[in-house]
Amino acid sequence: MLPLKNIFNRIFWDKRLDRGDYVITFIHRGAPSDEKTIAASLVKQVGKSWFTYEEEGSEVYIPMHRIVTVKNLKTGEILWRKRTTSKRV
């Protein structure tokens, strides 16, 4: 499996790909199962170890270490999955 940063680079800068085909699931306290899934098309900025997306008019900062999966909705393929399977508290 490719490193997460490589997958993000491909999704966000490869003109042959459609961001709308991908979703990102990340740890989000208070959400059902403490996880939230957003369309990759909502991502506004990608940094070395974080990304931002817009929600209800506010920019939300998410560190890369909170990402659980990156999935291609069109093919159903999970491009990246967090290695740890420990229970999050």
N, C-alpha and C. Protein backbone atom coordinates (compact mmCIF):
# COMPACT_ATOMS: atom_id res chain seq x y z
N MET A 1 0.84 -1.17 0.00
CA MET A 1 0.00 0.00 0.00
C MET A 1 0.89 1.24 0.00
N LEU A 2 0.51 2.22 -0.80
CA LEU A 2 1.27 3.46 -0.89
C LEU A 2 1.15 4.29 0.38
N PRO A 3 2.18 5.08 0.68
CA PRO A 3 2.07 6.00 1.81
C PRO A 3 0.92 6.98 1.59
N LEU A 4 0.30 7.40 2.66
CA LEU A 4 -0.86 8.29 2.61
C LEU A 4 -0.56 9.56 1.81
N LYS A 5 0.58 10.16 2.04
CA LYS A 5 0.91 11.41 1.34
C LYS A 5 0.93 11.21 -0.17
N ASN A 6 1.43 10.06 -0.65
CA ASN A 6 1.44 9.78 -2.08
C ASN A 6 0.03 9.66 -2.64
N ILE A 7 -0.85 9.04 -1.87
CA ILE A 7 -2.25 8.89 -2.30
C ILE A 7 -2.91 10.26 -2.39
N PHE A 8 -2.69 11.11 -1.39
CA PHE A 8 -3.25 12.46 -1.42
C PHE A 8 -2.72 13.24 -2.62
N ASN A 9 -1.42 13.15 -2.85
CA ASN A 9 -0.84 13.85 -4.01
C ASN A 9 -1.51 13.41 -5.30
N ARG A 10 -1.73 12.13 -5.46
CA ARG A 10 -2.34 11.62 -6.68
C ARG A 10 -3.78 12.10 -6.81
N ILE A 11 -4.57 11.98 -5.76
CA ILE A 11 -5.98 12.39 -5.81
C ILE A 11 -6.11 13.88 -6.10
N PHE A 12 -5.28 14.70 -5.47
CA PHE A 12 -5.47 16.15 -5.56
C PHE A 12 -4.73 16.83 -6.69
N TRP A 13 -3.75 16.17 -7.31
CA TRP A 13 -3.01 16.85 -8.37
C TRP A 13 -2.99 16.11 -9.70
N ASP A 14 -3.44 14.87 -9.75
CA ASP A 14 -3.50 14.14 -11.01
C ASP A 14 -4.79 14.54 -11.73
N LYS A 15 -4.67 15.28 -12.81
CA LYS A 15 -5.84 15.81 -13.53
C LYS A 15 -6.71 14.71 -14.13
N ARG A 16 -6.19 13.50 -14.24
CA ARG A 16 -6.98 12.39 -14.80
C ARG A 16 -7.97 11.82 -13.79
N LEU A 17 -7.78 12.15 -12.51
CA LEU A 17 -8.66 11.63 -11.46
C LEU A 17 -9.70 12.67 -11.07
N ASP A 18 -10.85 12.19 -10.63
CA ASP A 18 -11.93 13.05 -10.16
C ASP A 18 -12.00 12.96 -8.65
N ARG A 19 -11.76 14.05 -7.95
CA ARG A 19 -11.81 14.07 -6.47
C ARG A 19 -13.13 13.56 -5.94
N GLY A 20 -14.18 13.76 -6.70
CA GLY A 20 -15.51 13.33 -6.29
C GLY A 20 -15.66 11.83 -6.17
N ASP A 21 -14.70 11.08 -6.70
CA ASP A 21 -14.74 9.61 -6.62
C ASP A 21 -14.18 9.08 -5.30
N TYR A 22 -13.67 9.95 -4.44
CA TYR A 22 -12.96 9.50 -3.24
C TYR A 22 -13.59 10.06 -1.97
N VAL A 23 -13.50 9.28 -0.90
CA VAL A 23 -13.93 9.74 0.42
C VAL A 23 -12.80 9.48 1.42
N ILE A 24 -12.76 10.31 2.45
CA ILE A 24 -11.75 10.23 3.50
C ILE A 24 -12.49 10.04 4.82
N THR A 25 -12.12 9.02 5.56
CA THR A 25 -12.70 8.78 6.88
C THR A 25 -11.61 9.07 7.92
N PHE A 26 -11.97 9.83 8.94
CA PHE A 26 -10.99 10.20 9.96
C PHE A 26 -11.63 10.17 11.35
N ILE A 27 -10.78 10.13 12.36
CA ILE A 27 -11.23 10.14 13.75
C ILE A 27 -11.81 11.51 14.06
N HIS A 28 -13.04 11.51 14.57
CA HIS A 28 -13.74 12.75 14.87
C HIS A 28 -14.57 12.53 16.13
N ARG A 29 -14.07 12.94 17.24
CA ARG A 29 -14.73 12.73 18.53
C ARG A 29 -16.15 13.30 18.52
N GLY A 30 -17.08 12.52 19.03
CA GLY A 30 -18.46 12.95 19.10
C GLY A 30 -19.31 12.49 17.94
N ALA A 31 -18.68 12.12 16.83
CA ALA A 31 -19.43 11.59 15.69
C ALA A 31 -19.77 10.13 15.97
N PRO A 32 -20.74 9.57 15.27
CA PRO A 32 -21.03 8.14 15.46
C PRO A 32 -19.76 7.30 15.26
N SER A 33 -19.49 6.41 16.18
CA SER A 33 -18.28 5.56 16.18
C SER A 33 -16.99 6.38 16.22
N ASP A 34 -17.08 7.65 16.59
CA ASP A 34 -15.93 8.56 16.63
C ASP A 34 -15.22 8.68 15.29
N GLU A 35 -15.95 8.50 14.20
CA GLU A 35 -15.39 8.64 12.85
C GLU A 35 -16.31 9.49 11.99
N LYS A 36 -15.70 10.22 11.07
CA LYS A 36 -16.46 11.04 10.13
C LYS A 36 -15.91 10.79 8.74
N THR A 37 -16.78 10.73 7.75
CA THR A 37 -16.38 10.54 6.36
C THR A 37 -16.80 11.76 5.56
N ILE A 38 -15.85 12.27 4.78
CA ILE A 38 -16.14 13.42 3.92
C ILE A 38 -15.71 13.09 2.49
N ALA A 39 -16.32 13.77 1.55
CA ALA A 39 -15.90 13.65 0.15
C ALA A 39 -14.56 14.37 -0.01
N ALA A 40 -13.66 13.77 -0.76
CA ALA A 40 -12.36 14.39 -1.00
C ALA A 40 -12.52 15.74 -1.70
N SER A 41 -13.61 15.92 -2.41
CA SER A 41 -13.84 17.19 -3.10
C SER A 41 -14.02 18.36 -2.13
N LEU A 42 -14.28 18.08 -0.85
CA LEU A 42 -14.42 19.15 0.16
C LEU A 42 -13.07 19.66 0.65
N VAL A 43 -12.00 18.91 0.40
CA VAL A 43 -10.67 19.30 0.88
C VAL A 43 -10.23 20.58 0.17
N LYS A 44 -9.81 21.56 0.97
CA LYS A 44 -9.39 22.86 0.44
C LYS A 44 -7.89 23.00 0.33
N GLN A 45 -7.17 22.42 1.30
CA GLN A 45 -5.72 22.58 1.35
C GLN A 45 -5.09 21.31 1.92
N VAL A 46 -3.90 20.96 1.39
CA VAL A 46 -3.16 19.80 1.89
C VAL A 46 -1.76 20.25 2.24
N GLY A 47 -1.35 19.97 3.49
CA GLY A 47 0.00 20.30 3.93
C GLY A 47 0.81 19.03 4.11
N LYS A 48 1.97 19.16 4.68
CA LYS A 48 2.86 18.02 4.88
C LYS A 48 2.25 16.96 5.78
N SER A 49 1.54 17.37 6.83
CA SER A 49 0.99 16.41 7.77
C SER A 49 -0.45 16.74 8.18
N TRP A 50 -1.18 17.45 7.31
CA TRP A 50 -2.54 17.86 7.62
C TRP A 50 -3.30 18.17 6.34
N PHE A 51 -4.61 18.29 6.49
CA PHE A 51 -5.44 18.84 5.42
C PHE A 51 -6.55 19.66 6.05
N THR A 52 -7.17 20.52 5.26
CA THR A 52 -8.31 21.28 5.73
C THR A 52 -9.49 21.05 4.79
N TYR A 53 -10.68 21.16 5.37
CA TYR A 53 -11.89 21.13 4.56
C TYR A 53 -12.86 22.14 5.14
N GLU A 54 -13.86 22.52 4.34
CA GLU A 54 -14.82 23.50 4.80
C GLU A 54 -16.10 22.81 5.24
N GLU A 55 -16.60 23.25 6.41
CA GLU A 55 -17.84 22.70 6.95
C GLU A 55 -18.62 23.84 7.59
N GLU A 56 -19.83 24.05 7.12
CA GLU A 56 -20.70 25.10 7.66
C GLU A 56 -20.01 26.45 7.72
N GLY A 57 -19.27 26.78 6.67
CA GLY A 57 -18.61 28.08 6.58
C GLY A 57 -17.31 28.22 7.34
N SER A 58 -16.88 27.16 8.04
CA SER A 58 -15.61 27.21 8.78
C SER A 58 -14.61 26.23 8.17
N GLU A 59 -13.35 26.60 8.25
CA GLU A 59 -12.29 25.71 7.78
C GLU A 59 -11.89 24.80 8.95
N VAL A 60 -11.88 23.49 8.69
CA VAL A 60 -11.57 22.49 9.72
C VAL A 60 -10.21 21.89 9.40
N TYR A 61 -9.32 21.86 10.38
CA TYR A 61 -7.96 21.34 10.26
C TYR A 61 -7.94 19.90 10.76
N ILE A 62 -7.42 18.96 9.94
CA ILE A 62 -7.34 17.56 10.33
C ILE A 62 -5.90 17.08 10.16
N PRO A 63 -5.24 16.64 11.23
CA PRO A 63 -3.90 16.06 11.11
C PRO A 63 -3.98 14.71 10.38
N MET A 64 -3.00 14.41 9.57
CA MET A 64 -2.99 13.16 8.80
C MET A 64 -3.06 11.92 9.69
N HIS A 65 -2.52 11.99 10.90
CA HIS A 65 -2.51 10.80 11.76
C HIS A 65 -3.92 10.40 12.21
N ARG A 66 -4.91 11.27 11.98
CA ARG A 66 -6.29 10.93 12.35
C ARG A 66 -7.05 10.24 11.22
N ILE A 67 -6.45 10.16 10.04
CA ILE A 67 -7.13 9.51 8.91
C ILE A 67 -7.16 8.00 9.14
N VAL A 68 -8.34 7.42 8.92
CA VAL A 68 -8.55 5.98 9.10
C VAL A 68 -8.52 5.26 7.75
N THR A 69 -9.24 5.79 6.75
CA THR A 69 -9.24 5.18 5.42
C THR A 69 -9.38 6.25 4.34
N VAL A 70 -8.92 5.90 3.15
CA VAL A 70 -9.17 6.66 1.93
C VAL A 70 -9.72 5.64 0.95
N LYS A 71 -10.90 5.93 0.41
CA LYS A 71 -11.59 4.94 -0.42
C LYS A 71 -12.04 5.54 -1.75
N ASN A 72 -11.93 4.73 -2.80
CA ASN A 72 -12.46 5.09 -4.11
C ASN A 72 -13.89 4.58 -4.17
N LEU A 73 -14.85 5.48 -4.23
CA LEU A 73 -16.27 5.08 -4.24
C LEU A 73 -16.66 4.37 -5.54
N LYS A 74 -16.03 4.76 -6.62
CA LYS A 74 -16.38 4.19 -7.92
C LYS A 74 -16.03 2.71 -8.00
N THR A 75 -14.84 2.35 -7.48
CA THR A 75 -14.39 0.96 -7.55
C THR A 75 -14.59 0.20 -6.25
N GLY A 76 -14.82 0.92 -5.15
CA GLY A 76 -14.94 0.28 -3.84
C GLY A 76 -13.60 -0.04 -3.21
N GLU A 77 -12.52 0.30 -3.89
CA GLU A 77 -11.17 -0.01 -3.40
C GLU A 77 -10.77 0.92 -2.26
N ILE A 78 -10.24 0.32 -1.19
CA ILE A 78 -9.67 1.11 -0.11
C ILE A 78 -8.20 1.33 -0.46
N LEU A 79 -7.85 2.59 -0.71
CA LEU A 79 -6.49 2.93 -1.14
C LEU A 79 -5.52 2.97 0.02
N TRP A 80 -6.05 3.30 1.18
CA TRP A 80 -5.18 3.40 2.36
C TRP A 80 -6.01 3.11 3.59
N ARG A 81 -5.42 2.39 4.53
CA ARG A 81 -6.08 2.09 5.80
C ARG A 81 -5.06 2.24 6.92
N LYS A 82 -5.47 2.88 8.00
CA LYS A 82 -4.60 3.04 9.17
C LYS A 82 -4.20 1.66 9.69
N ARG A 83 -2.95 1.48 10.00
CA ARG A 83 -2.44 0.18 10.44
C ARG A 83 -2.97 -0.28 11.78
N THR A 84 -3.08 0.64 12.72
CA THR A 84 -3.47 0.23 14.07
C THR A 84 -4.93 -0.21 14.11
N THR A 85 -5.17 -1.24 14.87
CA THR A 85 -6.53 -1.70 15.05
C THR A 85 -6.93 -1.61 16.51
N SER A 86 -6.11 -0.89 17.29
CA SER A 86 -6.40 -0.75 18.71
C SER A 86 -7.65 0.09 18.90
N LYS A 87 -8.34 -0.15 19.98
CA LYS A 87 -9.56 0.59 20.31
C LYS A 87 -9.20 2.01 20.67
N ARG A 88 -9.87 2.96 20.01
CA ARG A 88 -9.64 4.38 20.30
C ARG A 88 -10.50 4.79 21.48
N VAL A 89 -9.93 5.59 22.36
CA VAL A 89 -10.66 6.03 23.54
C VAL A 89 -11.04 7.49 23.39
